[in-house]
Protein backbone atom coordinates (compact mmCIF):
# COMPACT_ATOMS: atom_id res chain seq x y z
CA UNK A 1 0.00 0.00 0.00
CA UNK A 2 2.85 2.40 0.80
CA UNK A 3 4.94 3.61 -2.11
CA UNK A 4 8.69 3.14 -2.43
CA UNK A 5 10.90 5.97 -3.69
CA UNK A 6 13.72 4.99 -6.00
CA UNK A 7 17.09 6.24 -4.67
CA UNK A 8 18.40 6.52 -8.24
CA UNK A 9 15.71 8.48 -10.09
CA UNK A 10 13.66 9.70 -7.06
CA UNK A 11 10.37 8.49 -8.53
CA UNK A 12 7.81 6.74 -6.30
CA UNK A 13 6.29 3.38 -7.23
CA UNK A 14 4.31 0.55 -5.67
CA UNK A 15 5.87 -2.90 -5.45
CA UNK A 16 4.10 -6.22 -5.41
CA UNK A 17 4.64 -8.73 -2.61
CA UNK A 18 3.66 -12.37 -2.30
CA UNK A 19 1.94 -13.68 0.80
CA UNK A 20 3.29 -17.06 1.90
CA UNK A 21 -0.17 -18.61 2.04
CA UNK A 22 -0.52 -18.23 -1.73
CA UNK A 23 1.86 -21.10 -2.54
CA UNK A 24 1.65 -24.89 -2.60
CA UNK A 25 5.14 -26.39 -2.20
CA UNK A 26 6.19 -29.39 -4.26
CA UNK A 27 9.53 -31.19 -4.71
CA UNK A 28 13.05 -29.80 -4.48
CA UNK A 29 15.58 -30.31 -7.28
CA UNK A 30 19.22 -31.27 -6.81
CA UNK A 31 19.99 -27.57 -7.31
CA UNK A 32 18.06 -26.75 -4.11
CA UNK A 33 15.31 -25.19 -6.21
CA UNK A 34 11.87 -25.55 -4.67
CA UNK A 35 9.09 -26.21 -7.15
CA UNK A 36 5.43 -25.39 -6.56
CA UNK A 37 2.13 -26.93 -7.57
CA UNK A 38 -0.46 -24.67 -9.21
CA UNK A 39 -3.06 -23.36 -6.74
CA UNK A 40 -6.80 -23.44 -7.37
CA UNK A 41 -7.19 -19.71 -6.77
CA UNK A 42 -4.06 -18.32 -8.45
CA UNK A 43 -2.78 -20.97 -10.86
CA UNK A 44 1.00 -21.13 -11.29
CA UNK A 45 2.85 -19.12 -8.64
CA UNK A 46 6.59 -18.41 -8.72
CA UNK A 47 7.82 -16.94 -5.41
CA UNK A 48 11.23 -16.13 -6.91
CA UNK A 49 9.63 -13.59 -9.23
CA UNK A 50 8.92 -11.21 -6.35
CA UNK A 51 12.29 -11.14 -4.59
CA UNK A 52 13.93 -8.36 -6.60
CA UNK A 53 12.72 -4.79 -6.31
CA UNK A 54 12.67 -3.04 -9.69
CA UNK A 55 12.07 0.64 -10.27
CA UNK A 56 9.70 0.78 -13.26
CA UNK A 57 11.07 4.17 -14.29
CA UNK A 58 14.85 3.63 -14.43
CA UNK A 59 15.05 -0.18 -14.12
CA UNK A 60 17.33 -0.01 -11.10
CA UNK A 61 17.00 -3.42 -9.42
CA UNK A 62 18.45 -5.20 -6.40
CA UNK A 63 17.62 -7.56 -3.56
CA UNK A 64 15.26 -5.98 -1.04
CA UNK A 65 17.82 -5.33 1.69
CA UNK A 66 20.12 -3.51 -0.76
CA UNK A 67 17.60 -1.37 -2.60
CA UNK A 68 18.10 1.83 -0.61
CA UNK A 69 21.75 1.49 0.52
CA UNK A 70 23.12 0.28 -2.83
CA UNK A 71 21.02 2.74 -4.81
CA UNK A 72 22.09 5.62 -2.58
CA UNK A 73 25.80 4.77 -2.58
CA UNK A 74 26.00 4.09 -6.34
CA UNK A 75 23.32 6.57 -7.41
CA UNK A 76 25.45 8.46 -9.92
CA UNK A 77 26.77 5.37 -11.69
CA UNK A 78 23.33 3.73 -11.72
CA UNK A 79 21.78 6.93 -13.03
CA UNK A 80 24.35 7.19 -15.82
CA UNK A 81 23.69 3.56 -16.74
CA UNK A 82 19.93 3.81 -17.22
CA UNK A 83 19.94 3.78 -21.02
CA UNK A 84 22.48 0.96 -21.20
CA UNK A 85 20.47 -1.06 -18.65
CA UNK A 86 17.21 -0.61 -20.53
CA UNK A 87 18.76 -1.51 -23.88
CA UNK A 88 20.49 -4.63 -22.53
CA UNK A 89 17.43 -6.06 -20.80
CA UNK A 90 15.16 -5.36 -23.77
CA UNK A 91 17.48 -7.31 -26.08
CA UNK A 92 16.70 -10.43 -24.07
CA UNK A 93 13.32 -9.76 -22.43
CA UNK A 94 10.85 -7.79 -24.55
CA UNK A 95 7.50 -6.24 -23.59
CA UNK A 96 8.33 -5.87 -19.90
CA UNK A 97 5.77 -4.21 -17.64
CA UNK A 98 6.75 -3.41 -14.07
CA UNK A 99 3.75 -1.15 -13.54
CA UNK A 100 1.21 -3.98 -13.28
CA UNK A 101 1.18 -7.48 -11.84
CA UNK A 102 4.55 -9.13 -12.07
CA UNK A 103 4.61 -12.13 -14.37
CA UNK A 104 7.16 -14.87 -14.95
CA UNK A 105 8.86 -12.82 -17.68
CA UNK A 106 9.25 -9.78 -15.42
CA UNK A 107 10.49 -12.05 -12.64
CA UNK A 108 13.26 -13.51 -14.79
CA UNK A 109 14.19 -10.10 -16.18
CA UNK A 110 14.38 -8.62 -12.67
CA UNK A 111 17.36 -10.86 -11.86
CA UNK A 112 19.09 -9.89 -15.10
CA UNK A 113 18.59 -6.23 -14.21
CA UNK A 114 19.92 -6.82 -10.69
CA UNK A 115 22.98 -8.55 -12.15
CA UNK A 116 23.71 -5.39 -14.15
CA UNK A 117 23.19 -3.19 -11.09
CA UNK A 118 25.56 -5.17 -8.84
CA UNK A 119 28.42 -4.59 -11.30
CA UNK A 120 30.92 -2.33 -9.56
CA UNK A 121 29.25 -2.63 -6.13
CA UNK A 122 31.64 -2.53 -3.16
CA UNK A 123 32.45 -5.69 -1.18
CA UNK A 124 30.11 -4.74 1.66
CA UNK A 125 27.24 -5.80 -0.61
CA UNK A 126 28.92 -9.16 -1.47
CA UNK A 127 28.27 -8.55 -5.19
CA UNK A 128 29.95 -11.75 -6.37
CA UNK A 129 27.68 -14.23 -4.61
CA UNK A 130 24.64 -12.05 -5.28
CA UNK A 131 25.53 -12.01 -8.97
CA UNK A 132 25.72 -15.79 -8.77
CA UNK A 133 22.30 -15.91 -7.12
CA UNK A 134 20.87 -13.63 -9.80
CA UNK A 135 22.21 -15.84 -12.60
CA UNK A 136 21.05 -19.03 -10.90
CA UNK A 137 17.54 -17.82 -10.18
CA UNK A 138 17.21 -16.27 -13.61
CA UNK A 139 18.21 -19.65 -15.08
CA UNK A 140 15.53 -21.38 -13.02
CA UNK A 141 12.85 -18.93 -14.15
CA UNK A 142 14.00 -19.24 -17.77
CA UNK A 143 13.54 -22.98 -17.35
CA UNK A 144 9.94 -22.37 -16.28
CA UNK A 145 9.50 -20.01 -19.26
CA UNK A 146 10.75 -22.78 -21.54
CA UNK A 147 8.16 -25.15 -20.08
CA UNK A 148 5.35 -22.66 -20.68
CA UNK A 149 6.62 -21.39 -24.05
CA UNK A 150 8.64 -24.19 -25.71
CA UNK A 151 10.59 -23.37 -28.83
CA UNK A 152 11.41 -19.78 -27.83
CA UNK A 153 14.98 -20.68 -26.77
CA UNK A 154 14.56 -19.99 -23.06
CA UNK A 155 16.39 -23.28 -22.45
CA UNK A 156 19.41 -21.93 -24.34
CA UNK A 157 19.42 -18.76 -22.24
CA UNK A 158 19.13 -20.87 -19.07
CA UNK A 159 22.27 -22.81 -20.01
CA UNK A 160 24.23 -19.57 -20.46
CA UNK A 161 23.03 -18.31 -17.09
CA UNK A 162 23.93 -21.58 -15.36
CA UNK A 163 27.48 -21.26 -16.67
CA UNK A 164 27.68 -17.66 -15.47
CA UNK A 165 26.33 -18.74 -12.07
CA UNK A 166 29.06 -21.39 -11.88
CA UNK A 167 31.71 -18.74 -12.48
CA UNK A 168 30.35 -16.43 -9.78
CA UNK A 169 29.85 -19.19 -7.20
CA UNK A 170 33.38 -20.55 -7.63
CA UNK A 171 34.81 -17.04 -7.45
CA UNK A 172 32.72 -16.25 -4.35
CA UNK A 173 34.33 -19.18 -2.51
CA UNK A 174 37.82 -18.01 -3.48
CA UNK A 175 37.03 -14.47 -2.28
CA UNK A 176 35.55 -15.83 0.96
CA UNK A 177 38.63 -17.94 1.67
CA UNK A 178 40.96 -15.00 1.02
CA UNK A 179 38.67 -12.67 3.02
CA UNK A 180 38.74 -10.21 0.13
CA UNK A 181 34.95 -10.32 -0.17
CA UNK A 182 33.27 -12.37 2.56
CA UNK A 183 29.90 -13.74 1.56
CA UNK A 184 29.22 -15.79 4.71
CA UNK A 185 28.31 -12.55 6.52
CA UNK A 186 25.20 -12.18 4.36
CA UNK A 187 21.99 -12.92 6.22
CA UNK A 188 20.38 -15.04 3.51
CA UNK A 189 22.27 -16.99 0.85
CA UNK A 190 19.34 -19.09 -0.33
CA UNK A 191 19.74 -20.27 -2.98
CA UNK A 192 15.94 -20.39 -3.14
CA UNK A 193 13.40 -18.52 -1.04
CA UNK A 194 12.02 -21.40 1.02
CA UNK A 195 15.14 -22.08 3.11
CA UNK A 196 18.49 -20.45 3.77
CA UNK A 197 21.31 -23.00 3.50
CA UNK A 198 23.97 -20.40 4.30
CA UNK A 199 27.59 -20.80 3.27
CA UNK A 200 27.25 -24.60 3.20
CA UNK A 201 24.68 -24.11 0.47
CA UNK A 202 27.15 -21.93 -1.44
CA UNK A 203 29.78 -24.70 -1.33
CA UNK A 204 27.23 -27.28 -2.45
CA UNK A 205 25.93 -25.10 -5.28
CA UNK A 206 29.43 -24.33 -6.55
CA UNK A 207 30.14 -28.05 -6.70
CA UNK A 208 26.93 -29.10 -8.44
CA UNK A 209 27.12 -26.24 -10.93
CA UNK A 210 30.66 -27.36 -11.72
CA UNK A 211 29.47 -30.93 -12.15
CA UNK A 212 26.42 -30.17 -14.30
CA UNK A 213 27.45 -27.08 -16.26
CA UNK A 214 31.24 -26.95 -16.21
CA UNK A 215 33.17 -27.23 -19.49
CA UNK A 216 33.77 -30.74 -20.81
CA UNK A 217 36.07 -30.07 -23.77
CA UNK A 218 39.27 -30.19 -21.68
CA UNK A 219 39.40 -33.51 -19.83
CA UNK A 220 42.36 -32.65 -17.58
CA UNK A 221 40.86 -29.32 -16.49
CA UNK A 222 37.50 -30.93 -15.76
CA UNK A 223 39.07 -33.68 -13.65
CA UNK A 224 41.04 -31.09 -11.67
CA UNK A 225 37.97 -28.90 -11.18
CA UNK A 226 35.73 -31.79 -10.09
CA UNK A 227 38.46 -33.08 -7.81
CA UNK A 228 38.51 -29.77 -5.96
CA UNK A 229 34.69 -29.74 -5.83
CA UNK A 230 34.76 -33.22 -4.26
CA UNK A 231 37.26 -32.08 -1.63
CA UNK A 232 35.18 -28.98 -0.81
CA UNK A 233 31.97 -30.99 -0.41
CA UNK A 234 33.65 -33.66 1.72
CA UNK A 235 35.34 -31.05 3.92
CA UNK A 236 32.21 -28.99 4.46
CA UNK A 237 29.87 -31.89 5.23
CA UNK A 238 32.28 -34.34 6.86
CA UNK A 239 31.56 -37.01 4.26
CA UNK A 240 33.49 -40.22 4.72
CA UNK A 241 34.19 -39.46 8.38
CA UNK A 242 32.65 -40.89 11.53
CA UNK A 243 31.16 -37.60 12.66
CA UNK A 244 27.64 -36.60 13.63
CA UNK A 245 25.64 -35.95 10.51
CA UNK A 246 24.21 -32.51 9.85
CA UNK A 247 20.42 -32.70 9.65
CA UNK A 248 18.29 -31.73 6.71
CA UNK A 249 18.08 -32.46 2.98
CA UNK A 250 21.36 -30.69 2.22
CA UNK A 251 23.39 -33.52 3.76
CA UNK A 252 21.62 -36.18 1.71
CA UNK A 253 22.02 -34.17 -1.49
CA UNK A 254 25.69 -33.59 -0.68
CA UNK A 255 26.21 -37.32 -0.25
CA UNK A 256 24.56 -37.97 -3.60
CA UNK A 257 26.68 -35.29 -5.26
CA UNK A 258 29.83 -36.67 -3.62
CA UNK A 259 29.05 -40.09 -5.09
CA UNK A 260 28.44 -38.60 -8.54
CA UNK A 261 31.71 -36.67 -8.42
CA UNK A 262 33.58 -39.74 -7.18
CA UNK A 263 32.13 -41.91 -9.97
CA UNK A 264 33.12 -39.47 -12.74
CA UNK A 265 36.60 -39.00 -11.30
CA UNK A 266 37.06 -42.77 -11.11
CA UNK A 267 35.86 -43.14 -14.69
CA UNK A 268 38.34 -40.46 -15.71
CA UNK A 269 41.17 -42.37 -14.03
CA UNK A 270 40.12 -45.59 -15.77
CA UNK A 271 40.20 -43.88 -19.15
CA UNK A 272 43.81 -42.78 -18.72
């Protein structure tokens, strides 16, 4: 009901929020993506579509907690980038309307816009992991777009975004370990909206993105990359050790991923 004022262009707008009772949770994928069953009253509902605040006037976009501080601190750069931002998003997502009810298309585009807006953000905003989250969630929503509108190449765009997410996630771990840009201090690292898996979720996601979407044309590089992913997963979750298991689905998924990584690495050794 209350309007929000954009810190970049100073124009007020009303944003749409989703009430938790409007969803009907279904299964979770191995990428920690929660799927939802259609509801009788509202049909298909995609909670991810509402997580990014987008100014409909200048297309400044960010996660909710960053909207005012990031927009205020980087106001000049974000203001100078309006035309570039609009042109880039419209090349990929046409006929966007952030004045009315947010649809699946606007939801996917919101993460692409946020990705553009986090470029050049200072380390206090943890832009690397948030860029990874934007790419990952945009890929998920493009996957849903492909299901609803097959043949429009949303699946191709999703693959590109998955590869970009892999790059950001792996880099986020390196920056965390060197303390150059800590991401573990962030309150919510998702990766989806239903549960926060924290930094352990970041490690898991980096590994599974490497496994599923990493390059395959260089065998030696892939083996080295998957080997490091296997070590990271085992170290974080205590796999293979007689320690008390961490509760929750993340442990089970990590065990499954560990076995998949181990099997491919063994197959790679057998081929040599």
